[in-house]
Amino acid sequence: MNQNNNEGFFERVYEVARLIPFGRVTSYGAIARYLGTGRSARMVGWALNNSHRCDEFVPAHRVVNRNGLLTGKMHFGNSSTMRQLLENEGLIIENDEILNFREKFWDPIKELGQ
């Protein structure tokens, strides 16, 4: 992907992430599948890692790996910020894993359609 394609993809990721409801989470792969780029979960992660540069807030803390693990926690300034943000929204986290992950999972394909 060239730089312009990356920027367009990143913006699409941010648009989806902004739709994740308070108290819910999704995965990098679920966003990638919704965008029609199912093998680009890592690119979704890279986009979210750069989301702090956006003018409009992107709730990147609501995106975790497919097993409910806080794999992106190191990108939030310190290792506990992501957990604290999610716990403030009612999620239960133990050892960097969302315990009620299936219950709180938000699938953009099911919620937004294709």
PDB file of N, CA and C in Angstrom:
ATOM      1  N   MET A   1       0.846  -1.198   0.000  1.00  0.00           N
ATOM      2  CA  MET A   1       0.000   0.000   0.000  1.00  0.00           C
ATOM      3  C   MET A   1       0.881   1.248   0.000  1.00  0.00           C
ATOM      4  N   ASN A   2       0.515   2.219  -0.793  1.00  0.00           N
ATOM      5  CA  ASN A   2       1.273   3.451  -0.736  1.00  0.00           C
ATOM      6  C   ASN A   2       0.729   4.342   0.376  1.00  0.00           C
ATOM      7  N   GLN A   3       1.385   5.468   0.604  1.00  0.00           N
ATOM      8  CA  GLN A   3       1.014   6.345   1.723  1.00  0.00           C
ATOM      9  C   GLN A   3      -0.441   6.794   1.642  1.00  0.00           C
ATOM     10  N   ASN A   4      -0.919   7.175   0.455  1.00  0.00           N
ATOM     11  CA  ASN A   4      -2.312   7.621   0.322  1.00  0.00           C
ATOM     12  C   ASN A   4      -3.290   6.511   0.633  1.00  0.00           C
ATOM     13  N   ASN A   5      -2.986   5.278   0.185  1.00  0.00           N
ATOM     14  CA  ASN A   5      -3.847   4.143   0.507  1.00  0.00           C
ATOM     15  C   ASN A   5      -3.873   3.891   2.004  1.00  0.00           C
ATOM     16  N   ASN A   6      -2.706   4.001   2.654  1.00  0.00           N
ATOM     17  CA  ASN A   6      -2.641   3.825   4.103  1.00  0.00           C
ATOM     18  C   ASN A   6      -3.529   4.842   4.800  1.00  0.00           C
ATOM     19  N   GLU A   7      -3.432   6.104   4.392  1.00  0.00           N
ATOM     20  CA  GLU A   7      -4.219   7.148   5.038  1.00  0.00           C
ATOM     21  C   GLU A   7      -5.714   6.893   4.865  1.00  0.00           C
ATOM     22  N   GLY A   8      -6.138   6.473   3.682  1.00  0.00           N
ATOM     23  CA  GLY A   8      -7.542   6.165   3.459  1.00  0.00           C
ATOM     24  C   GLY A   8      -7.996   4.982   4.291  1.00  0.00           C
ATOM     25  N   PHE A   9      -7.167   3.945   4.362  1.00  0.00           N
ATOM     26  CA  PHE A   9      -7.480   2.771   5.170  1.00  0.00           C
ATOM     27  C   PHE A   9      -7.552   3.160   6.641  1.00  0.00           C
ATOM     28  N   PHE A  10      -6.564   3.921   7.111  1.00  0.00           N
ATOM     29  CA  PHE A  10      -6.540   4.336   8.514  1.00  0.00           C
ATOM     30  C   PHE A  10      -7.820   5.109   8.853  1.00  0.00           C
ATOM     31  N   GLU A  11      -8.231   6.019   7.992  1.00  0.00           N
ATOM     32  CA  GLU A  11      -9.452   6.793   8.242  1.00  0.00           C
ATOM     33  C   GLU A  11     -10.673   5.883   8.329  1.00  0.00           C
ATOM     34  N   ARG A  12     -10.742   4.881   7.483  1.00  0.00           N
ATOM     35  CA  ARG A  12     -11.857   3.936   7.531  1.00  0.00           C
ATOM     36  C   ARG A  12     -11.849   3.167   8.848  1.00  0.00           C
ATOM     37  N   VAL A  13     -10.655   2.785   9.313  1.00  0.00           N
ATOM     38  CA  VAL A  13     -10.530   2.106  10.617  1.00  0.00           C
ATOM     39  C   VAL A  13     -11.050   3.027  11.721  1.00  0.00           C
ATOM     40  N   TYR A  14     -10.647   4.296  11.684  1.00  0.00           N
ATOM     41  CA  TYR A  14     -11.074   5.237  12.722  1.00  0.00           C
ATOM     42  C   TYR A  14     -12.582   5.431  12.710  1.00  0.00           C
ATOM     43  N   GLU A  15     -13.172   5.475  11.524  1.00  0.00           N
ATOM     44  CA  GLU A  15     -14.628   5.629  11.415  1.00  0.00           C
ATOM     45  C   GLU A  15     -15.345   4.469  12.094  1.00  0.00           C
ATOM     46  N   VAL A  16     -14.869   3.248  11.878  1.00  0.00           N
ATOM     47  CA  VAL A  16     -15.486   2.077  12.505  1.00  0.00           C
ATOM     48  C   VAL A  16     -15.253   2.108  14.011  1.00  0.00           C
ATOM     49  N   ALA A  17     -14.028   2.394  14.428  1.00  0.00           N
ATOM     50  CA  ALA A  17     -13.705   2.409  15.864  1.00  0.00           C
ATOM     51  C   ALA A  17     -14.573   3.421  16.605  1.00  0.00           C
ATOM     52  N   ARG A  18     -14.865   4.539  15.974  1.00  0.00           N
ATOM     53  CA  ARG A  18     -15.703   5.555  16.632  1.00  0.00           C
ATOM     54  C   ARG A  18     -17.143   5.090  16.830  1.00  0.00           C
ATOM     55  N   LEU A  19     -17.546   4.045  16.139  1.00  0.00           N
ATOM     56  CA  LEU A  19     -18.906   3.511  16.257  1.00  0.00           C
ATOM     57  C   LEU A  19     -19.041   2.456  17.353  1.00  0.00           C
ATOM     58  N   ILE A  20     -17.918   1.984  17.906  1.00  0.00           N
ATOM     59  CA  ILE A  20     -17.979   0.964  18.962  1.00  0.00           C
ATOM     60  C   ILE A  20     -18.649   1.593  20.181  1.00  0.00           C
ATOM     61  N   PRO A  21     -19.745   1.025  20.635  1.00  0.00           N
ATOM     62  CA  PRO A  21     -20.455   1.620  21.777  1.00  0.00           C
ATOM     63  C   PRO A  21     -19.649   1.562  23.076  1.00  0.00           C
ATOM     64  N   PHE A  22     -19.907   2.522  23.933  1.00  0.00           N
ATOM     65  CA  PHE A  22     -19.351   2.550  25.281  1.00  0.00           C
ATOM     66  C   PHE A  22     -19.633   1.206  25.951  1.00  0.00           C
ATOM     67  N   GLY A  23     -18.633   0.616  26.585  1.00  0.00           N
ATOM     68  CA  GLY A  23     -18.810  -0.644  27.296  1.00  0.00           C
ATOM     69  C   GLY A  23     -18.742  -1.882  26.430  1.00  0.00           C
ATOM     70  N   ARG A  24     -18.406  -1.716  25.155  1.00  0.00           N
ATOM     71  CA  ARG A  24     -18.293  -2.844  24.230  1.00  0.00           C
ATOM     72  C   ARG A  24     -16.888  -2.836  23.632  1.00  0.00           C
ATOM     73  N   VAL A  25     -16.469  -3.964  23.081  1.00  0.00           N
ATOM     74  CA  VAL A  25     -15.160  -4.085  22.439  1.00  0.00           C
ATOM     75  C   VAL A  25     -15.304  -4.865  21.141  1.00  0.00           C
ATOM     76  N   THR A  26     -14.333  -4.702  20.274  1.00  0.00           N
ATOM     77  CA  THR A  26     -14.249  -5.495  19.064  1.00  0.00           C
ATOM     78  C   THR A  26     -12.801  -5.908  18.882  1.00  0.00           C
ATOM     79  N   SER A  27     -12.531  -6.615  17.796  1.00  0.00           N
ATOM     80  CA  SER A  27     -11.169  -7.082  17.547  1.00  0.00           C
ATOM     81  C   SER A  27     -10.606  -6.434  16.287  1.00  0.00           C
ATOM     82  N   TYR A  28      -9.293  -6.479  16.176  1.00  0.00           N
ATOM     83  CA  TYR A  28      -8.615  -5.963  14.984  1.00  0.00           C
ATOM     84  C   TYR A  28      -9.145  -6.682  13.743  1.00  0.00           C
ATOM     85  N   GLY A  29      -9.277  -7.994  13.844  1.00  0.00           N
ATOM     86  CA  GLY A  29      -9.748  -8.796  12.725  1.00  0.00           C
ATOM     87  C   GLY A  29     -11.182  -8.496  12.342  1.00  0.00           C
ATOM     88  N   ALA A  30     -12.039  -8.230  13.329  1.00  0.00           N
ATOM     89  CA  ALA A  30     -13.442  -7.912  13.031  1.00  0.00           C
ATOM     90  C   ALA A  30     -13.542  -6.613  12.246  1.00  0.00           C
ATOM     91  N   ILE A  31     -12.716  -5.636  12.591  1.00  0.00           N
ATOM     92  CA  ILE A  31     -12.706  -4.384  11.832  1.00  0.00           C
ATOM     93  C   ILE A  31     -12.182  -4.645  10.426  1.00  0.00           C
ATOM     94  N   ALA A  32     -11.113  -5.427  10.314  1.00  0.00           N
ATOM     95  CA  ALA A  32     -10.543  -5.746   8.996  1.00  0.00           C
ATOM     96  C   ALA A  32     -11.582  -6.446   8.118  1.00  0.00           C
ATOM     97  N   ARG A  33     -12.291  -7.425   8.669  1.00  0.00           N
ATOM     98  CA  ARG A  33     -13.316  -8.137   7.897  1.00  0.00           C
ATOM     99  C   ARG A  33     -14.433  -7.190   7.470  1.00  0.00           C
ATOM    100  N   TYR A  34     -14.852  -6.319   8.368  1.00  0.00           N
ATOM    101  CA  TYR A  34     -15.903  -5.358   8.032  1.00  0.00           C
ATOM    102  C   TYR A  34     -15.474  -4.469   6.867  1.00  0.00           C
ATOM    103  N   LEU A  35     -14.200  -4.105   6.842  1.00  0.00           N
ATOM    104  CA  LEU A  35     -13.684  -3.236   5.782  1.00  0.00           C
ATOM    105  C   LEU A  35     -13.382  -4.004   4.499  1.00  0.00           C
ATOM    106  N   GLY A  36     -13.611  -5.327   4.516  1.00  0.00           N
ATOM    107  CA  GLY A  36     -13.383  -6.133   3.324  1.00  0.00           C
ATOM    108  C   GLY A  36     -11.931  -6.488   3.100  1.00  0.00           C
ATOM    109  N   THR A  37     -11.133  -6.363   4.161  1.00  0.00           N
ATOM    110  CA  THR A  37      -9.702  -6.664   4.078  1.00  0.00           C
ATOM    111  C   THR A  37      -9.340  -7.628   5.211  1.00  0.00           C
ATOM    112  N   GLY A  38      -9.966  -8.790   5.197  1.00  0.00           N
ATOM    113  CA  GLY A  38      -9.882  -9.744   6.291  1.00  0.00           C
ATOM    114  C   GLY A  38      -8.493 -10.122   6.755  1.00  0.00           C
ATOM    115  N   ARG A  39      -7.496  -9.997   5.907  1.00  0.00           N
ATOM    116  CA  ARG A  39      -6.137 -10.376   6.307  1.00  0.00           C
ATOM    117  C   ARG A  39      -5.303  -9.185   6.794  1.00  0.00           C
ATOM    118  N   SER A  40      -5.969  -8.083   7.072  1.00  0.00           N
ATOM    119  CA  SER A  40      -5.222  -6.878   7.437  1.00  0.00           C
ATOM    120  C   SER A  40      -5.385  -6.475   8.900  1.00  0.00           C
ATOM    121  N   ALA A  41      -5.577  -7.440   9.783  1.00  0.00           N
ATOM    122  CA  ALA A  41      -5.739  -7.131  11.209  1.00  0.00           C
ATOM    123  C   ALA A  41      -4.541  -6.355  11.755  1.00  0.00           C
ATOM    124  N   ARG A  42      -3.345  -6.691  11.299  1.00  0.00           N
ATOM    125  CA  ARG A  42      -2.156  -5.957  11.760  1.00  0.00           C
ATOM    126  C   ARG A  42      -2.196  -4.507  11.319  1.00  0.00           C
ATOM    127  N   MET A  43      -2.672  -4.274  10.097  1.00  0.00           N
ATOM    128  CA  MET A  43      -2.786  -2.895   9.611  1.00  0.00           C
ATOM    129  C   MET A  43      -3.805  -2.117  10.451  1.00  0.00           C
ATOM    130  N   VAL A  44      -4.857  -2.784  10.885  1.00  0.00           N
ATOM    131  CA  VAL A  44      -5.828  -2.139  11.777  1.00  0.00           C
ATOM    132  C   VAL A  44      -5.112  -1.730  13.057  1.00  0.00           C
ATOM    133  N   GLY A  45      -4.283  -2.621  13.583  1.00  0.00           N
ATOM    134  CA  GLY A  45      -3.501  -2.305  14.779  1.00  0.00           C
ATOM    135  C   GLY A  45      -2.583  -1.114  14.563  1.00  0.00           C
ATOM    136  N   TRP A  46      -1.911  -1.085  13.430  1.00  0.00           N
ATOM    137  CA  TRP A  46      -1.020   0.053  13.128  1.00  0.00           C
ATOM    138  C   TRP A  46      -1.815   1.345  13.049  1.00  0.00           C
ATOM    139  N   ALA A  47      -2.980   1.277  12.416  1.00  0.00           N
ATOM    140  CA  ALA A  47      -3.827   2.471  12.323  1.00  0.00           C
ATOM    141  C   ALA A  47      -4.203   2.963  13.714  1.00  0.00           C
ATOM    142  N   LEU A  48      -4.645   2.047  14.561  1.00  0.00           N
ATOM    143  CA  LEU A  48      -5.065   2.442  15.901  1.00  0.00           C
ATOM    144  C   LEU A  48      -3.892   2.953  16.731  1.00  0.00           C
ATOM    145  N   ASN A  49      -2.708   2.416  16.492  1.00  0.00           N
ATOM    146  CA  ASN A  49      -1.521   2.897  17.186  1.00  0.00           C
ATOM    147  C   ASN A  49      -1.235   4.353  16.815  1.00  0.00           C
ATOM    148  N   ASN A  50      -1.659   4.776  15.639  1.00  0.00           N
ATOM    149  CA  ASN A  50      -1.450   6.157  15.195  1.00  0.00           C
ATOM    150  C   ASN A  50      -2.660   7.056  15.452  1.00  0.00           C
ATOM    151  N   SER A  51      -3.698   6.512  16.044  1.00  0.00           N
ATOM    152  CA  SER A  51      -4.944   7.268  16.198  1.00  0.00           C
ATOM    153  C   SER A  51      -4.817   8.459  17.147  1.00  0.00           C
ATOM    154  N   HIS A  52      -3.815   8.457  18.003  1.00  0.00           N
ATOM    155  CA  HIS A  52      -3.640   9.594  18.918  1.00  0.00           C
ATOM    156  C   HIS A  52      -3.323  10.887  18.164  1.00  0.00           C
ATOM    157  N   ARG A  53      -2.958  10.765  16.891  1.00  0.00           N
ATOM    158  CA  ARG A  53      -2.654  11.941  16.061  1.00  0.00           C
ATOM    159  C   ARG A  53      -3.910  12.552  15.444  1.00  0.00           C
ATOM    160  N   CYS A  54      -5.044  11.894  15.585  1.00  0.00           N
ATOM    161  CA  CYS A  54      -6.295  12.385  14.993  1.00  0.00           C
ATOM    162  C   CYS A  54      -6.829  13.579  15.780  1.00  0.00           C
ATOM    163  N   ASP A  55      -7.477  14.477  15.071  1.00  0.00           N
ATOM    164  CA  ASP A  55      -8.124  15.612  15.729  1.00  0.00           C
ATOM    165  C   ASP A  55      -9.329  15.155  16.549  1.00  0.00           C
ATOM    166  N   GLU A  56     -10.072  14.194  16.010  1.00  0.00           N
ATOM    167  CA  GLU A  56     -11.257  13.663  16.682  1.00  0.00           C
ATOM    168  C   GLU A  56     -10.878  12.375  17.427  1.00  0.00           C
ATOM    169  N   PHE A  57     -11.368  12.227  18.658  1.00  0.00           N
ATOM    170  CA  PHE A  57     -11.046  11.075  19.497  1.00  0.00           C
ATOM    171  C   PHE A  57     -11.404   9.754  18.818  1.00  0.00           C
ATOM    172  N   VAL A  58     -10.507   8.794  18.919  1.00  0.00           N
ATOM    173  CA  VAL A  58     -10.734   7.432  18.439  1.00  0.00           C
ATOM    174  C   VAL A  58     -10.612   6.517  19.658  1.00  0.00           C
ATOM    175  N   PRO A  59     -11.671   5.785  20.012  1.00  0.00           N
ATOM    176  CA  PRO A  59     -11.615   4.917  21.195  1.00  0.00           C
ATOM    177  C   PRO A  59     -10.847   3.616  20.918  1.00  0.00           C
ATOM    178  N   ALA A  60      -9.560   3.761  20.646  1.00  0.00           N
ATOM    179  CA  ALA A  60      -8.708   2.620  20.298  1.00  0.00           C
ATOM    180  C   ALA A  60      -8.635   1.595  21.424  1.00  0.00           C
ATOM    181  N   HIS A  61      -8.887   2.013  22.650  1.00  0.00           N
ATOM    182  CA  HIS A  61      -8.849   1.082  23.783  1.00  0.00           C
ATOM    183  C   HIS A  61      -9.928   0.015  23.677  1.00  0.00           C
ATOM    184  N   ARG A  62     -10.936   0.225  22.838  1.00  0.00           N
ATOM    185  CA  ARG A  62     -12.042  -0.732  22.685  1.00  0.00           C
ATOM    186  C   ARG A  62     -11.739  -1.803  21.643  1.00  0.00           C
ATOM    187  N   VAL A  63     -10.522  -1.838  21.132  1.00  0.00           N
ATOM    188  CA  VAL A  63     -10.143  -2.836  20.137  1.00  0.00           C
ATOM    189  C   VAL A  63      -9.051  -3.714  20.730  1.00  0.00           C
ATOM    190  N   VAL A  64      -9.327  -5.014  20.752  1.00  0.00           N
ATOM    191  CA  VAL A  64      -8.426  -5.988  21.375  1.00  0.00           C
ATOM    192  C   VAL A  64      -8.189  -7.136  20.391  1.00  0.00           C
ATOM    193  N   ASN A  65      -7.406  -8.111  20.796  1.00  0.00           N
ATOM    194  CA  ASN A  65      -7.187  -9.229  19.874  1.00  0.00           C
ATOM    195  C   ASN A  65      -8.374 -10.182  19.894  1.00  0.00           C
ATOM    196  N   ARG A  66      -8.350 -11.173  19.033  1.00  0.00           N
ATOM    197  CA  ARG A  66      -9.511 -12.061  18.834  1.00  0.00           C
ATOM    198  C   ARG A  66      -9.861 -12.892  20.061  1.00  0.00           C
ATOM    199  N   ASN A  67      -8.947 -12.963  21.026  1.00  0.00           N
ATOM    200  CA  ASN A  67      -9.206 -13.714  22.252  1.00  0.00           C
ATOM    201  C   ASN A  67      -9.563 -12.813  23.434  1.00  0.00           C
ATOM    202  N   GLY A  68      -9.682 -11.522  23.176  1.00  0.00           N
ATOM    203  CA  GLY A  68     -10.010 -10.601  24.262  1.00  0.00           C
ATOM    204  C   GLY A  68      -8.811 -10.156  25.073  1.00  0.00           C
ATOM    205  N   LEU A  69      -7.616 -10.310  24.516  1.00  0.00           N
ATOM    206  CA  LEU A  69      -6.401  -9.894  25.216  1.00  0.00           C
ATOM    207  C   LEU A  69      -6.043  -8.460  24.863  1.00  0.00           C
ATOM    208  N   LEU A  70      -5.533  -7.724  25.840  1.00  0.00           N
ATOM    209  CA  LEU A  70      -5.152  -6.328  25.645  1.00  0.00           C
ATOM    210  C   LEU A  70      -3.761  -6.249  25.037  1.00  0.00           C
ATOM    211  N   THR A  71      -3.627  -6.731  23.822  1.00  0.00           N
ATOM    212  CA  THR A  71      -2.307  -6.804  23.184  1.00  0.00           C
ATOM    213  C   THR A  71      -1.766  -5.435  22.794  1.00  0.00           C
ATOM    214  N   GLY A  72      -2.608  -4.419  22.708  1.00  0.00           N
ATOM    215  CA  GLY A  72      -2.147  -3.085  22.341  1.00  0.00           C
ATOM    216  C   GLY A  72      -1.885  -2.183  23.525  1.00  0.00           C
ATOM    217  N   LYS A  73      -1.876  -2.723  24.727  1.00  0.00           N
ATOM    218  CA  LYS A  73      -1.794  -1.898  25.939  1.00  0.00           C
ATOM    219  C   LYS A  73      -0.549  -1.033  26.016  1.00  0.00           C
ATOM    220  N   MET A  74       0.548  -1.470  25.385  1.00  0.00           N
ATOM    221  CA  MET A  74       1.788  -0.713  25.482  1.00  0.00           C
ATOM    222  C   MET A  74       1.750   0.591  24.692  1.00  0.00           C
ATOM    223  N   HIS A  75       0.720   0.782  23.882  1.00  0.00           N
ATOM    224  CA  HIS A  75       0.608   1.988  23.062  1.00  0.00           C
ATOM    225  C   HIS A  75      -0.220   3.087  23.735  1.00  0.00           C
ATOM    226  N   PHE A  76      -0.536   2.921  25.002  1.00  0.00           N
ATOM    227  CA  PHE A  76      -1.389   3.891  25.703  1.00  0.00           C
ATOM    228  C   PHE A  76      -0.634   4.692  26.763  1.00  0.00           C
ATOM    229  N   GLY A  77       0.649   4.830  26.611  1.00  0.00           N
ATOM    230  CA  GLY A  77       1.422   5.638  27.553  1.00  0.00           C
ATOM    231  C   GLY A  77       1.991   4.832  28.696  1.00  0.00           C
ATOM    232  N   ASN A  78       1.185   4.011  29.327  1.00  0.00           N
ATOM    233  CA  ASN A  78       1.698   3.065  30.326  1.00  0.00           C
ATOM    234  C   ASN A  78       0.860   1.798  30.244  1.00  0.00           C
ATOM    235  N   SER A  79       1.324   0.745  30.857  1.00  0.00           N
ATOM    236  CA  SER A  79       0.712  -0.571  30.655  1.00  0.00           C
ATOM    237  C   SER A  79      -0.655  -0.734  31.313  1.00  0.00           C
ATOM    238  N   SER A  80      -1.093   0.222  32.120  1.00  0.00           N
ATOM    239  CA  SER A  80      -2.388   0.050  32.785  1.00  0.00           C
ATOM    240  C   SER A  80      -3.486   0.968  32.233  1.00  0.00           C
ATOM    241  N   THR A  81      -3.163   1.905  31.374  1.00  0.00           N
ATOM    242  CA  THR A  81      -4.161   2.862  30.880  1.00  0.00           C
ATOM    243  C   THR A  81      -5.293   2.174  30.130  1.00  0.00           C
ATOM    244  N   MET A  82      -4.971   1.274  29.220  1.00  0.00           N
ATOM    245  CA  MET A  82      -5.998   0.591  28.441  1.00  0.00           C
ATOM    246  C   MET A  82      -6.946  -0.185  29.362  1.00  0.00           C
ATOM    247  N   ARG A  83      -6.387  -0.909  30.299  1.00  0.00           N
ATOM    248  CA  ARG A  83      -7.196  -1.666  31.261  1.00  0.00           C
ATOM    249  C   ARG A  83      -8.103  -0.727  32.049  1.00  0.00           C
ATOM    250  N   GLN A  84      -7.550   0.377  32.523  1.00  0.00           N
ATOM    251  CA  GLN A  84      -8.344   1.322  33.316  1.00  0.00           C
ATOM    252  C   GLN A  84      -9.492   1.909  32.495  1.00  0.00           C
ATOM    253  N   LEU A  85      -9.229   2.260  31.241  1.00  0.00           N
ATOM    254  CA  LEU A  85     -10.278   2.804  30.381  1.00  0.00           C
ATOM    255  C   LEU A  85     -11.402   1.793  30.186  1.00  0.00           C
ATOM    256  N   LEU A  86     -11.035   0.536  29.958  1.00  0.00           N
ATOM    257  CA  LEU A  86     -12.050  -0.504  29.749  1.00  0.00           C
ATOM    258  C   LEU A  86     -12.818  -0.806  31.034  1.00  0.00           C
ATOM    259  N   GLU A  87     -12.110  -0.856  32.149  1.00  0.00           N
ATOM    260  CA  GLU A  87     -12.790  -1.099  33.430  1.00  0.00           C
ATOM    261  C   GLU A  87     -13.754   0.046  33.751  1.00  0.00           C
ATOM    262  N   ASN A  88     -13.382   1.272  33.379  1.00  0.00           N
ATOM    263  CA  ASN A  88     -14.272   2.420  33.589  1.00  0.00           C
ATOM    264  C   ASN A  88     -15.556   2.280  32.783  1.00  0.00           C
ATOM    265  N   GLU A  89     -15.526   1.447  31.745  1.00  0.00           N
ATOM    266  CA  GLU A  89     -16.710   1.218  30.908  1.00  0.00           C
ATOM    267  C   GLU A  89     -17.441  -0.061  31.316  1.00  0.00           C
ATOM    268  N   GLY A  90     -17.014  -0.686  32.418  1.00  0.00           N
ATOM    269  CA  GLY A  90     -17.721  -1.838  32.958  1.00  0.00           C
ATOM    270  C   GLY A  90     -17.186  -3.196  32.552  1.00  0.00           C
ATOM    271  N   LEU A  91     -16.079  -3.244  31.827  1.00  0.00           N
ATOM    272  CA  LEU A  91     -15.519  -4.536  31.444  1.00  0.00           C
ATOM    273  C   LEU A  91     -14.705  -5.104  32.600  1.00  0.00           C
ATOM    274  N   ILE A  92     -14.678  -6.407  32.683  1.00  0.00           N
ATOM    275  CA  ILE A  92     -13.953  -7.094  33.740  1.00  0.00           C
ATOM    276  C   ILE A  92     -12.668  -7.661  33.133  1.00  0.00           C
ATOM    277  N   ILE A  93     -11.531  -7.258  33.683  1.00  0.00           N
ATOM    278  CA  ILE A  93     -10.245  -7.651  33.110  1.00  0.00           C
ATOM    279  C   ILE A  93      -9.380  -8.295  34.178  1.00  0.00           C
ATOM    280  N   GLU A  94      -8.801  -9.411  33.809  1.00  0.00           N
ATOM    281  CA  GLU A  94      -7.890 -10.122  34.696  1.00  0.00           C
ATOM    282  C   GLU A  94      -6.714 -10.618  33.865  1.00  0.00           C
ATOM    283  N   ASN A  95      -5.507 -10.340  34.308  1.00  0.00           N
ATOM    284  CA  ASN A  95      -4.295 -10.734  33.582  1.00  0.00           C
ATOM    285  C   ASN A  95      -4.342 -10.300  32.118  1.00  0.00           C
ATOM    286  N   ASP A  96      -4.750  -9.040  31.904  1.00  0.00           N
ATOM    287  CA  ASP A  96      -4.834  -8.444  30.563  1.00  0.00           C
ATOM    288  C   ASP A  96      -5.803  -9.164  29.628  1.00  0.00           C
ATOM    289  N   GLU A  97      -6.791  -9.842  30.186  1.00  0.00           N
ATOM    290  CA  GLU A  97      -7.805 -10.527  29.383  1.00  0.00           C
ATOM    291  C   GLU A  97      -9.191 -10.084  29.832  1.00  0.00           C
ATOM    292  N   ILE A  98     -10.049  -9.781  28.865  1.00  0.00           N
ATOM    293  CA  ILE A  98     -11.427  -9.399  29.166  1.00  0.00           C
ATOM    294  C   ILE A  98     -12.203 -10.675  29.490  1.00  0.00           C
ATOM    295  N   LEU A  99     -12.656 -10.785  30.728  1.00  0.00           N
ATOM    296  CA  LEU A  99     -13.331 -12.008  31.169  1.00  0.00           C
ATOM    297  C   LEU A  99     -14.709 -12.154  30.549  1.00  0.00           C
ATOM    298  N   ASN A 100     -15.407 -11.078  30.344  1.00  0.00           N
ATOM    299  CA  ASN A 100     -16.743 -11.135  29.757  1.00  0.00           C
ATOM    300  C   ASN A 100     -16.683 -10.758  28.270  1.00  0.00           C
ATOM    301  N   PHE A 101     -15.635 -11.215  27.590  1.00  0.00           N
ATOM    302  CA  PHE A 101     -15.364 -10.828  26.207  1.00  0.00           C
ATOM    303  C   PHE A 101     -16.503 -11.178  25.255  1.00  0.00           C
ATOM    304  N   ARG A 102     -16.991 -12.404  25.292  1.00  0.00           N
ATOM    305  CA  ARG A 102     -18.056 -12.810  24.353  1.00  0.00           C
ATOM    306  C   ARG A 102     -19.318 -11.966  24.558  1.00  0.00           C
ATOM    307  N   GLU A 103     -19.622 -11.687  25.804  1.00  0.00           N
ATOM    308  CA  GLU A 103     -20.799 -10.885  26.139  1.00  0.00           C
ATOM    309  C   GLU A 103     -20.648  -9.437  25.669  1.00  0.00           C
ATOM    310  N   LYS A 104     -19.453  -8.904  25.710  1.00  0.00           N
ATOM    311  CA  LYS A 104     -19.198  -7.498  25.384  1.00  0.00           C
ATOM    312  C   LYS A 104     -18.726  -7.289  23.948  1.00  0.00           C
ATOM    313  N   PHE A 105     -18.516  -8.379  23.195  1.00  0.00           N
ATOM    314  CA  PHE A 105     -17.985  -8.273  21.840  1.00  0.00           C
ATOM    315  C   PHE A 105     -18.988  -7.601  20.909  1.00  0.00           C
ATOM    316  N   TRP A 106     -18.511  -6.631  20.152  1.00  0.00           N
ATOM    317  CA  TRP A 106     -19.308  -5.887  19.178  1.00  0.00           C
ATOM    318  C   TRP A 106     -18.762  -6.220  17.793  1.00  0.00           C
ATOM    319  N   ASP A 107     -19.555  -6.896  16.983  1.00  0.00           N
ATOM    320  CA  ASP A 107     -19.126  -7.291  15.644  1.00  0.00           C
ATOM    321  C   ASP A 107     -19.693  -6.281  14.649  1.00  0.00           C
ATOM    322  N   PRO A 108     -18.841  -5.485  14.014  1.00  0.00           N
ATOM    323  CA  PRO A 108     -19.361  -4.459  13.107  1.00  0.00           C
ATOM    324  C   PRO A 108     -20.171  -5.031  11.944  1.00  0.00           C
ATOM    325  N   ILE A 109     -19.847  -6.225  11.473  1.00  0.00           N
ATOM    326  CA  ILE A 109     -20.624  -6.795  10.383  1.00  0.00           C
ATOM    327  C   ILE A 109     -22.055  -7.054  10.832  1.00  0.00           C
ATOM    328  N   LYS A 110     -22.236  -7.614  12.031  1.00  0.00           N
ATOM    329  CA  LYS A 110     -23.578  -7.882  12.542  1.00  0.00           C
ATOM    330  C   LYS A 110     -24.307  -6.596  12.936  1.00  0.00           C
ATOM    331  N   GLU A 111     -23.572  -5.661  13.520  1.00  0.00           N
ATOM    332  CA  GLU A 111     -24.197  -4.442  14.034  1.00  0.00           C
ATOM    333  C   GLU A 111     -24.455  -3.394  12.959  1.00  0.00           C
ATOM    334  N   LEU A 112     -23.560  -3.315  11.969  1.00  0.00           N
ATOM    335  CA  LEU A 112     -23.663  -2.260  10.956  1.00  0.00           C
ATOM    336  C   LEU A 112     -24.084  -2.788   9.586  1.00  0.00           C
ATOM    337  N   GLY A 113     -24.012  -4.099   9.408  1.00  0.00           N
ATOM    338  CA  GLY A 113     -24.303  -4.671   8.107  1.00  0.00           C
ATOM    339  C   GLY A 113     -23.133  -4.464   7.156  1.00  0.00           C
ATOM    340  N   GLN A 114     -23.277  -4.978   5.966  1.00  0.00           N
ATOM    341  CA  GLN A 114     -22.183  -4.843   4.998  1.00  0.00           C
ATOM    342  C   GLN A 114     -22.470  -3.822   3.976  1.00  0.00           C
TER     343      GLN A 114
END
